[in-house]
Each structure stands twice: as C-alpha cells, then as structure tokens.
Amino acid sequence: MSSSETTTDHHIIQEWVEARDGRPSVIRTKGKGGVLRIDFGQPEDDFEEIGWDEFFKIFDENKLAFLYQGETKDGETSSFNKFVERQ
C-alpha cells in the first residue's frame, strides 16, 4: 500500500531527495526566489540547480511543506513529491 507523508523537516527532505539522486532546483520568477522543484535524472532546461541553503530559505519564506511518497503501491522506490502550503 502506498501512502504519502508531509513534512517541513529539512533533514528528512534532503535525505529523501538525495536517496533518489535528486537535486534541489528552482524555476526563477520575476518576484523573489522562484518556484521550487526537485530535479531527477537529466537536468530540465527550465530548472536551475541551487544549494540546500537557498532551497530551504525559499521553502521557509513561502511557508511550504513537502508532500512525498516513500514507495509505490508495488513496493518500488517512489520519486513522487509536491510542495504544498503548510497547515
């Protein structure tokens, strides 16, 4: 059975991303910061890789939470993730 969890814990987020060979990234906007993304595999053209310090600064300033899935319903490692508003 697959289920998702939500966290704001920086350590859990970084550990989850790095375990899947992901990279913290941003899509730059005209405003402050940008739209956070996790880039997997080949770098996406619109994504700019950033360091964890900048990533978590944007994450906290925008009061985001990280919704993620550890495994698929078939027991495979999942890379499903999404940024949501904190509750």
PDB file of N, CA and C in Angstrom:
ATOM      1  N   MET A   1       0.849  -1.187   0.000  1.00  0.00           N
ATOM      2  CA  MET A   1       0.000   0.000   0.000  1.00  0.00           C
ATOM      3  C   MET A   1       0.886   1.239   0.000  1.00  0.00           C
ATOM      4  N   SER A   2       0.575   2.198  -0.862  1.00  0.00           N
ATOM      5  CA  SER A   2       1.357   3.428  -0.909  1.00  0.00           C
ATOM      6  C   SER A   2       0.607   4.519  -0.153  1.00  0.00           C
ATOM      7  N   SER A   3       1.387   5.348   0.498  1.00  0.00           N
ATOM      8  CA  SER A   3       0.786   6.485   1.175  1.00  0.00           C
ATOM      9  C   SER A   3       1.781   7.623   1.115  1.00  0.00           C
ATOM     10  N   SER A   4       1.292   8.807   1.308  1.00  0.00           N
ATOM     11  CA  SER A   4       2.167   9.965   1.282  1.00  0.00           C
ATOM     12  C   SER A   4       2.235  10.576   2.673  1.00  0.00           C
ATOM     13  N   GLU A   5       3.308  11.296   2.892  1.00  0.00           N
ATOM     14  CA  GLU A   5       3.529  11.983   4.150  1.00  0.00           C
ATOM     15  C   GLU A   5       3.865  13.432   3.837  1.00  0.00           C
ATOM     16  N   THR A   6       3.716  14.277   4.829  1.00  0.00           N
ATOM     17  CA  THR A   6       4.052  15.687   4.690  1.00  0.00           C
ATOM     18  C   THR A   6       4.998  16.072   5.804  1.00  0.00           C
ATOM     19  N   THR A   7       6.034  16.847   5.453  1.00  0.00           N
ATOM     20  CA  THR A   7       6.990  17.292   6.455  1.00  0.00           C
ATOM     21  C   THR A   7       7.510  18.693   6.133  1.00  0.00           C
ATOM     22  N   THR A   8       8.026  19.340   7.153  1.00  0.00           N
ATOM     23  CA  THR A   8       8.760  20.599   6.982  1.00  0.00           C
ATOM     24  C   THR A   8      10.189  20.432   7.484  1.00  0.00           C
ATOM     25  N   ASP A   9      10.543  19.223   7.902  1.00  0.00           N
ATOM     26  CA  ASP A   9      11.859  18.935   8.453  1.00  0.00           C
ATOM     27  C   ASP A   9      12.912  18.921   7.338  1.00  0.00           C
ATOM     28  N   HIS A  10      13.841  19.855   7.411  1.00  0.00           N
ATOM     29  CA  HIS A  10      14.858  19.994   6.368  1.00  0.00           C
ATOM     30  C   HIS A  10      15.679  18.717   6.191  1.00  0.00           C
ATOM     31  N   HIS A  11      16.039  18.086   7.287  1.00  0.00           N
ATOM     32  CA  HIS A  11      16.865  16.874   7.221  1.00  0.00           C
ATOM     33  C   HIS A  11      16.135  15.747   6.485  1.00  0.00           C
ATOM     34  N   ILE A  12      14.871  15.542   6.800  1.00  0.00           N
ATOM     35  CA  ILE A  12      14.086  14.490   6.143  1.00  0.00           C
ATOM     36  C   ILE A  12      13.971  14.771   4.648  1.00  0.00           C
ATOM     37  N   ILE A  13      13.713  16.014   4.294  1.00  0.00           N
ATOM     38  CA  ILE A  13      13.577  16.384   2.878  1.00  0.00           C
ATOM     39  C   ILE A  13      14.879  16.129   2.131  1.00  0.00           C
ATOM     40  N   GLN A  14      15.982  16.633   2.671  1.00  0.00           N
ATOM     41  CA  GLN A  14      17.271  16.472   2.000  1.00  0.00           C
ATOM     42  C   GLN A  14      17.642  14.991   1.867  1.00  0.00           C
ATOM     43  N   GLU A  15      17.408  14.228   2.911  1.00  0.00           N
ATOM     44  CA  GLU A  15      17.714  12.797   2.883  1.00  0.00           C
ATOM     45  C   GLU A  15      16.878  12.075   1.825  1.00  0.00           C
ATOM     46  N   TRP A  16      15.584  12.382   1.751  1.00  0.00           N
ATOM     47  CA  TRP A  16      14.686  11.754   0.776  1.00  0.00           C
ATOM     48  C   TRP A  16      15.149  12.071  -0.641  1.00  0.00           C
ATOM     49  N   VAL A  17      15.449  13.354  -0.911  1.00  0.00           N
ATOM     50  CA  VAL A  17      15.865  13.788  -2.250  1.00  0.00           C
ATOM     51  C   VAL A  17      17.185  13.125  -2.648  1.00  0.00           C
ATOM     52  N   GLU A  18      18.170  13.164  -1.769  1.00  0.00           N
ATOM     53  CA  GLU A  18      19.486  12.622  -2.098  1.00  0.00           C
ATOM     54  C   GLU A  18      19.453  11.101  -2.254  1.00  0.00           C
ATOM     55  N   ALA A  19      18.575  10.411  -1.543  1.00  0.00           N
ATOM     56  CA  ALA A  19      18.440   8.963  -1.683  1.00  0.00           C
ATOM     57  C   ALA A  19      17.929   8.570  -3.066  1.00  0.00           C
ATOM     58  N   ARG A  20      17.319   9.527  -3.767  1.00  0.00           N
ATOM     59  CA  ARG A  20      16.770   9.291  -5.101  1.00  0.00           C
ATOM     60  C   ARG A  20      17.581  10.005  -6.182  1.00  0.00           C
ATOM     61  N   ASP A  21      18.784  10.433  -5.823  1.00  0.00           N
ATOM     62  CA  ASP A  21      19.680  11.160  -6.737  1.00  0.00           C
ATOM     63  C   ASP A  21      19.038  12.422  -7.299  1.00  0.00           C
ATOM     64  N   GLY A  22      18.214  13.067  -6.486  1.00  0.00           N
ATOM     65  CA  GLY A  22      17.585  14.318  -6.892  1.00  0.00           C
ATOM     66  C   GLY A  22      18.449  15.515  -6.531  1.00  0.00           C
ATOM     67  N   ARG A  23      18.119  16.641  -7.130  1.00  0.00           N
ATOM     68  CA  ARG A  23      18.840  17.880  -6.883  1.00  0.00           C
ATOM     69  C   ARG A  23      17.855  19.001  -6.581  1.00  0.00           C
ATOM     70  N   PRO A  24      18.143  19.819  -5.570  1.00  0.00           N
ATOM     71  CA  PRO A  24      17.278  20.963  -5.292  1.00  0.00           C
ATOM     72  C   PRO A  24      17.394  21.965  -6.435  1.00  0.00           C
ATOM     73  N   SER A  25      16.263  22.414  -6.926  1.00  0.00           N
ATOM     74  CA  SER A  25      16.239  23.308  -8.087  1.00  0.00           C
ATOM     75  C   SER A  25      15.153  24.356  -7.921  1.00  0.00           C
ATOM     76  N   VAL A  26      15.218  25.333  -8.807  1.00  0.00           N
ATOM     77  CA  VAL A  26      14.227  26.403  -8.788  1.00  0.00           C
ATOM     78  C   VAL A  26      13.944  26.819 -10.226  1.00  0.00           C
ATOM     79  N   ILE A  27      12.719  27.223 -10.462  1.00  0.00           N
ATOM     80  CA  ILE A  27      12.360  27.894 -11.706  1.00  0.00           C
ATOM     81  C   ILE A  27      12.256  29.362 -11.323  1.00  0.00           C
ATOM     82  N   ARG A  28      13.158  30.174 -11.840  1.00  0.00           N
ATOM     83  CA  ARG A  28      13.207  31.590 -11.455  1.00  0.00           C
ATOM     84  C   ARG A  28      11.971  32.333 -11.957  1.00  0.00           C
ATOM     85  N   THR A  29      11.472  33.210 -11.102  1.00  0.00           N
ATOM     86  CA  THR A  29      10.340  34.061 -11.448  1.00  0.00           C
ATOM     87  C   THR A  29      10.782  35.505 -11.298  1.00  0.00           C
ATOM     88  N   LYS A  30       9.971  36.432 -11.778  1.00  0.00           N
ATOM     89  CA  LYS A  30      10.321  37.852 -11.667  1.00  0.00           C
ATOM     90  C   LYS A  30      10.326  38.320 -10.225  1.00  0.00           C
ATOM     91  N   GLY A  31       9.536  37.665  -9.401  1.00  0.00           N
ATOM     92  CA  GLY A  31       9.471  38.031  -7.992  1.00  0.00           C
ATOM     93  C   GLY A  31      10.637  37.455  -7.221  1.00  0.00           C
ATOM     94  N   LYS A  32      10.487  37.424  -5.939  1.00  0.00           N
ATOM     95  CA  LYS A  32      11.520  36.937  -5.028  1.00  0.00           C
ATOM     96  C   LYS A  32      11.637  35.417  -5.092  1.00  0.00           C
ATOM     97  N   GLY A  33      12.861  34.904  -5.168  1.00  0.00           N
ATOM     98  CA  GLY A  33      13.085  33.464  -5.095  1.00  0.00           C
ATOM     99  C   GLY A  33      12.746  32.740  -6.370  1.00  0.00           C
ATOM    100  N   GLY A  34      11.682  31.986  -6.352  1.00  0.00           N
ATOM    101  CA  GLY A  34      11.280  31.202  -7.501  1.00  0.00           C
ATOM    102  C   GLY A  34      10.403  30.051  -7.060  1.00  0.00           C
ATOM    103  N   VAL A  35      10.089  29.190  -8.012  1.00  0.00           N
ATOM    104  CA  VAL A  35       9.241  28.028  -7.759  1.00  0.00           C
ATOM    105  C   VAL A  35      10.156  26.830  -7.528  1.00  0.00           C
ATOM    106  N   LEU A  36      10.074  26.228  -6.362  1.00  0.00           N
ATOM    107  CA  LEU A  36      10.945  25.108  -6.024  1.00  0.00           C
ATOM    108  C   LEU A  36      10.555  23.846  -6.780  1.00  0.00           C
ATOM    109  N   ARG A  37      11.574  23.089  -7.138  1.00  0.00           N
ATOM    110  CA  ARG A  37      11.395  21.799  -7.792  1.00  0.00           C
ATOM    111  C   ARG A  37      12.519  20.872  -7.337  1.00  0.00           C
ATOM    112  N   ILE A  38      12.286  19.591  -7.477  1.00  0.00           N
ATOM    113  CA  ILE A  38      13.325  18.590  -7.302  1.00  0.00           C
ATOM    114  C   ILE A  38      13.588  18.033  -8.690  1.00  0.00           C
ATOM    115  N   ASP A  39      14.840  18.089  -9.124  1.00  0.00           N
ATOM    116  CA  ASP A  39      15.209  17.634 -10.460  1.00  0.00           C
ATOM    117  C   ASP A  39      15.837  16.248 -10.344  1.00  0.00           C
ATOM    118  N   PHE A  40      15.329  15.297 -11.120  1.00  0.00           N
ATOM    119  CA  PHE A  40      15.840  13.935 -11.149  1.00  0.00           C
ATOM    120  C   PHE A  40      16.384  13.652 -12.548  1.00  0.00           C
ATOM    121  N   GLY A  41      17.410  12.837 -12.628  1.00  0.00           N
ATOM    122  CA  GLY A  41      17.930  12.429 -13.934  1.00  0.00           C
ATOM    123  C   GLY A  41      18.569  13.577 -14.688  1.00  0.00           C
ATOM    124  N   GLN A  42      18.298  13.624 -15.987  1.00  0.00           N
ATOM    125  CA  GLN A  42      18.835  14.689 -16.836  1.00  0.00           C
ATOM    126  C   GLN A  42      18.282  16.034 -16.376  1.00  0.00           C
ATOM    127  N   PRO A  43      19.140  17.052 -16.261  1.00  0.00           N
ATOM    128  CA  PRO A  43      18.651  18.366 -15.833  1.00  0.00           C
ATOM    129  C   PRO A  43      17.592  18.926 -16.797  1.00  0.00           C
ATOM    130  N   GLU A  44      16.516  19.425 -16.225  1.00  0.00           N
ATOM    131  CA  GLU A  44      15.463  20.068 -17.012  1.00  0.00           C
ATOM    132  C   GLU A  44      15.949  21.441 -17.449  1.00  0.00           C
ATOM    133  N   ASP A  45      15.591  21.869 -18.657  1.00  0.00           N
ATOM    134  CA  ASP A  45      16.055  23.151 -19.194  1.00  0.00           C
ATOM    135  C   ASP A  45      15.652  24.346 -18.344  1.00  0.00           C
ATOM    136  N   ASP A  46      14.429  24.342 -17.828  1.00  0.00           N
ATOM    137  CA  ASP A  46      13.927  25.495 -17.074  1.00  0.00           C
ATOM    138  C   ASP A  46      14.354  25.493 -15.608  1.00  0.00           C
ATOM    139  N   PHE A  47      14.945  24.401 -15.162  1.00  0.00           N
ATOM    140  CA  PHE A  47      15.331  24.271 -13.759  1.00  0.00           C
ATOM    141  C   PHE A  47      16.762  24.765 -13.558  1.00  0.00           C
ATOM    142  N   GLU A  48      16.955  25.528 -12.497  1.00  0.00           N
ATOM    143  CA  GLU A  48      18.291  25.971 -12.112  1.00  0.00           C
ATOM    144  C   GLU A  48      18.642  25.270 -10.807  1.00  0.00           C
ATOM    145  N   GLU A  49      19.720  24.491 -10.841  1.00  0.00           N
ATOM    146  CA  GLU A  49      20.133  23.796  -9.628  1.00  0.00           C
ATOM    147  C   GLU A  49      20.636  24.824  -8.617  1.00  0.00           C
ATOM    148  N   ILE A  50      20.211  24.653  -7.354  1.00  0.00           N
ATOM    149  CA  ILE A  50      20.618  25.561  -6.289  1.00  0.00           C
ATOM    150  C   ILE A  50      21.102  24.735  -5.100  1.00  0.00           C
ATOM    151  N   GLY A  51      21.772  25.405  -4.177  1.00  0.00           N
ATOM    152  CA  GLY A  51      22.235  24.739  -2.977  1.00  0.00           C
ATOM    153  C   GLY A  51      21.107  24.565  -1.975  1.00  0.00           C
ATOM    154  N   TRP A  52      21.353  23.696  -1.005  1.00  0.00           N
ATOM    155  CA  TRP A  52      20.334  23.430   0.006  1.00  0.00           C
ATOM    156  C   TRP A  52      20.008  24.665   0.846  1.00  0.00           C
ATOM    157  N   ASP A  53      20.984  25.507   1.126  1.00  0.00           N
ATOM    158  CA  ASP A  53      20.707  26.708   1.929  1.00  0.00           C
ATOM    159  C   ASP A  53      19.690  27.608   1.235  1.00  0.00           C
ATOM    160  N   GLU A  54      19.895  27.881  -0.050  1.00  0.00           N
ATOM    161  CA  GLU A  54      18.946  28.715  -0.793  1.00  0.00           C
ATOM    162  C   GLU A  54      17.594  28.014  -0.915  1.00  0.00           C
ATOM    163  N   PHE A  55      17.625  26.716  -1.181  1.00  0.00           N
ATOM    164  CA  PHE A  55      16.400  25.936  -1.308  1.00  0.00           C
ATOM    165  C   PHE A  55      15.539  26.076  -0.052  1.00  0.00           C
ATOM    166  N   PHE A  56      16.153  25.845   1.122  1.00  0.00           N
ATOM    167  CA  PHE A  56      15.379  25.896   2.357  1.00  0.00           C
ATOM    168  C   PHE A  56      14.997  27.324   2.755  1.00  0.00           C
ATOM    169  N   LYS A  57      15.759  28.307   2.315  1.00  0.00           N
ATOM    170  CA  LYS A  57      15.375  29.705   2.557  1.00  0.00           C
ATOM    171  C   LYS A  57      14.067  30.008   1.811  1.00  0.00           C
ATOM    172  N   ILE A  58      13.994  29.634   0.541  1.00  0.00           N
ATOM    173  CA  ILE A  58      12.774  29.833  -0.254  1.00  0.00           C
ATOM    174  C   ILE A  58      11.627  29.010   0.336  1.00  0.00           C
ATOM    175  N   PHE A  59      11.923  27.777   0.709  1.00  0.00           N
ATOM    176  CA  PHE A  59      10.941  26.862   1.298  1.00  0.00           C
ATOM    177  C   PHE A  59      10.300  27.481   2.540  1.00  0.00           C
ATOM    178  N   ASP A  60      11.129  27.993   3.447  1.00  0.00           N
ATOM    179  CA  ASP A  60      10.614  28.568   4.698  1.00  0.00           C
ATOM    180  C   ASP A  60       9.946  29.922   4.487  1.00  0.00           C
ATOM    181  N   GLU A  61      10.520  30.775   3.627  1.00  0.00           N
ATOM    182  CA  GLU A  61       9.918  32.089   3.368  1.00  0.00           C
ATOM    183  C   GLU A  61       8.513  31.972   2.797  1.00  0.00           C
ATOM    184  N   ASN A  62       8.295  30.917   2.007  1.00  0.00           N
ATOM    185  CA  ASN A  62       6.986  30.720   1.378  1.00  0.00           C
ATOM    186  C   ASN A  62       6.069  29.815   2.193  1.00  0.00           C
ATOM    187  N   LYS A  63       6.528  29.440   3.398  1.00  0.00           N
ATOM    188  CA  LYS A  63       5.742  28.617   4.318  1.00  0.00           C
ATOM    189  C   LYS A  63       5.210  27.352   3.627  1.00  0.00           C
ATOM    190  N   LEU A  64       6.154  26.625   3.014  1.00  0.00           N
ATOM    191  CA  LEU A  64       5.799  25.411   2.297  1.00  0.00           C
ATOM    192  C   LEU A  64       6.002  24.175   3.165  1.00  0.00           C
ATOM    193  N   ALA A  65       5.362  23.116   2.765  1.00  0.00           N
ATOM    194  CA  ALA A  65       5.575  21.779   3.324  1.00  0.00           C
ATOM    195  C   ALA A  65       5.871  20.857   2.147  1.00  0.00           C
ATOM    196  N   PHE A  66       6.517  19.748   2.430  1.00  0.00           N
ATOM    197  CA  PHE A  66       6.926  18.798   1.406  1.00  0.00           C
ATOM    198  C   PHE A  66       6.062  17.546   1.522  1.00  0.00           C
ATOM    199  N   LEU A  67       5.277  17.297   0.492  1.00  0.00           N
ATOM    200  CA  LEU A  67       4.441  16.104   0.413  1.00  0.00           C
ATOM    201  C   LEU A  67       5.216  15.089  -0.419  1.00  0.00           C
ATOM    202  N   TYR A  68       5.399  13.890   0.114  1.00  0.00           N
ATOM    203  CA  TYR A  68       6.225  12.910  -0.589  1.00  0.00           C
ATOM    204  C   TYR A  68       5.728  11.496  -0.331  1.00  0.00           C
ATOM    205  N   GLN A  69       6.187  10.594  -1.177  1.00  0.00           N
ATOM    206  CA  GLN A  69       5.818   9.186  -1.078  1.00  0.00           C
ATOM    207  C   GLN A  69       7.113   8.380  -1.003  1.00  0.00           C
ATOM    208  N   GLY A  70       7.200   7.456  -0.068  1.00  0.00           N
ATOM    209  CA  GLY A  70       8.390   6.623   0.061  1.00  0.00           C
ATOM    210  C   GLY A  70       8.435   5.498  -0.952  1.00  0.00           C
ATOM    211  N   GLU A  71       7.305   4.833  -1.124  1.00  0.00           N
ATOM    212  CA  GLU A  71       7.214   3.695  -2.043  1.00  0.00           C
ATOM    213  C   GLU A  71       5.913   3.749  -2.824  1.00  0.00           C
ATOM    214  N   THR A  72       5.935   3.130  -3.992  1.00  0.00           N
ATOM    215  CA  THR A  72       4.713   2.979  -4.779  1.00  0.00           C
ATOM    216  C   THR A  72       3.894   1.836  -4.190  1.00  0.00           C
ATOM    217  N   LYS A  73       2.695   1.647  -4.677  1.00  0.00           N
ATOM    218  CA  LYS A  73       1.861   0.540  -4.172  1.00  0.00           C
ATOM    219  C   LYS A  73       2.478  -0.818  -4.483  1.00  0.00           C
ATOM    220  N   ASP A  74       3.390  -0.866  -5.464  1.00  0.00           N
ATOM    221  CA  ASP A  74       4.079  -2.107  -5.817  1.00  0.00           C
ATOM    222  C   ASP A  74       5.359  -2.313  -5.014  1.00  0.00           C
ATOM    223  N   GLY A  75       5.662  -1.397  -4.081  1.00  0.00           N
ATOM    224  CA  GLY A  75       6.850  -1.527  -3.245  1.00  0.00           C
ATOM    225  C   GLY A  75       8.120  -0.947  -3.841  1.00  0.00           C
ATOM    226  N   GLU A  76       7.998  -0.300  -4.995  1.00  0.00           N
ATOM    227  CA  GLU A  76       9.155   0.333  -5.636  1.00  0.00           C
ATOM    228  C   GLU A  76       9.420   1.695  -4.988  1.00  0.00           C
ATOM    229  N   THR A  77      10.666   2.149  -5.066  1.00  0.00           N
ATOM    230  CA  THR A  77      11.003   3.477  -4.554  1.00  0.00           C
ATOM    231  C   THR A  77      10.277   4.519  -5.387  1.00  0.00           C
ATOM    232  N   SER A  78       9.615   5.442  -4.714  1.00  0.00           N
ATOM    233  CA  SER A  78       8.841   6.480  -5.392  1.00  0.00           C
ATOM    234  C   SER A  78       9.603   7.800  -5.385  1.00  0.00           C
ATOM    235  N   SER A  79       9.446   8.548  -6.466  1.00  0.00           N
ATOM    236  CA  SER A  79      10.002   9.905  -6.509  1.00  0.00           C
ATOM    237  C   SER A  79       8.882  10.952  -6.511  1.00  0.00           C
ATOM    238  N   PHE A  80       7.656  10.506  -6.203  1.00  0.00           N
ATOM    239  CA  PHE A  80       6.538  11.451  -6.159  1.00  0.00           C
ATOM    240  C   PHE A  80       6.767  12.456  -5.030  1.00  0.00           C
ATOM    241  N   ASN A  81       6.647  13.720  -5.394  1.00  0.00           N
ATOM    242  CA  ASN A  81       6.753  14.791  -4.396  1.00  0.00           C
ATOM    243  C   ASN A  81       6.014  16.028  -4.888  1.00  0.00           C
ATOM    244  N   LYS A  82       5.677  16.879  -3.948  1.00  0.00           N
ATOM    245  CA  LYS A  82       4.914  18.087  -4.268  1.00  0.00           C
ATOM    246  C   LYS A  82       5.115  19.071  -3.126  1.00  0.00           C
ATOM    247  N   PHE A  83       5.157  20.347  -3.457  1.00  0.00           N
ATOM    248  CA  PHE A  83       5.233  21.391  -2.433  1.00  0.00           C
ATOM    249  C   PHE A  83       3.828  21.929  -2.205  1.00  0.00           C
ATOM    250  N   VAL A  84       3.431  21.983  -0.939  1.00  0.00           N
ATOM    251  CA  VAL A  84       2.087  22.425  -0.565  1.00  0.00           C
ATOM    252  C   VAL A  84       2.185  23.484   0.532  1.00  0.00           C
ATOM    253  N   GLU A  85       1.108  24.189   0.741  1.00  0.00           N
ATOM    254  CA  GLU A  85       1.064  25.176   1.828  1.00  0.00           C
ATOM    255  C   GLU A  85       1.083  24.452   3.165  1.00  0.00           C
ATOM    256  N   ARG A  86       1.775  25.053   4.127  1.00  0.00           N
ATOM    257  CA  ARG A  86       1.783  24.485   5.484  1.00  0.00           C
ATOM    258  C   ARG A  86       0.405  24.626   6.113  1.00  0.00           C
ATOM    259  N   GLN A  87       0.036  23.632   6.881  1.00  0.00           N
ATOM    260  CA  GLN A  87      -1.250  23.664   7.594  1.00  0.00           C
ATOM    261  C   GLN A  87      -1.081  24.275   8.955  1.00  0.00           C
TER     262      GLN A  87
END
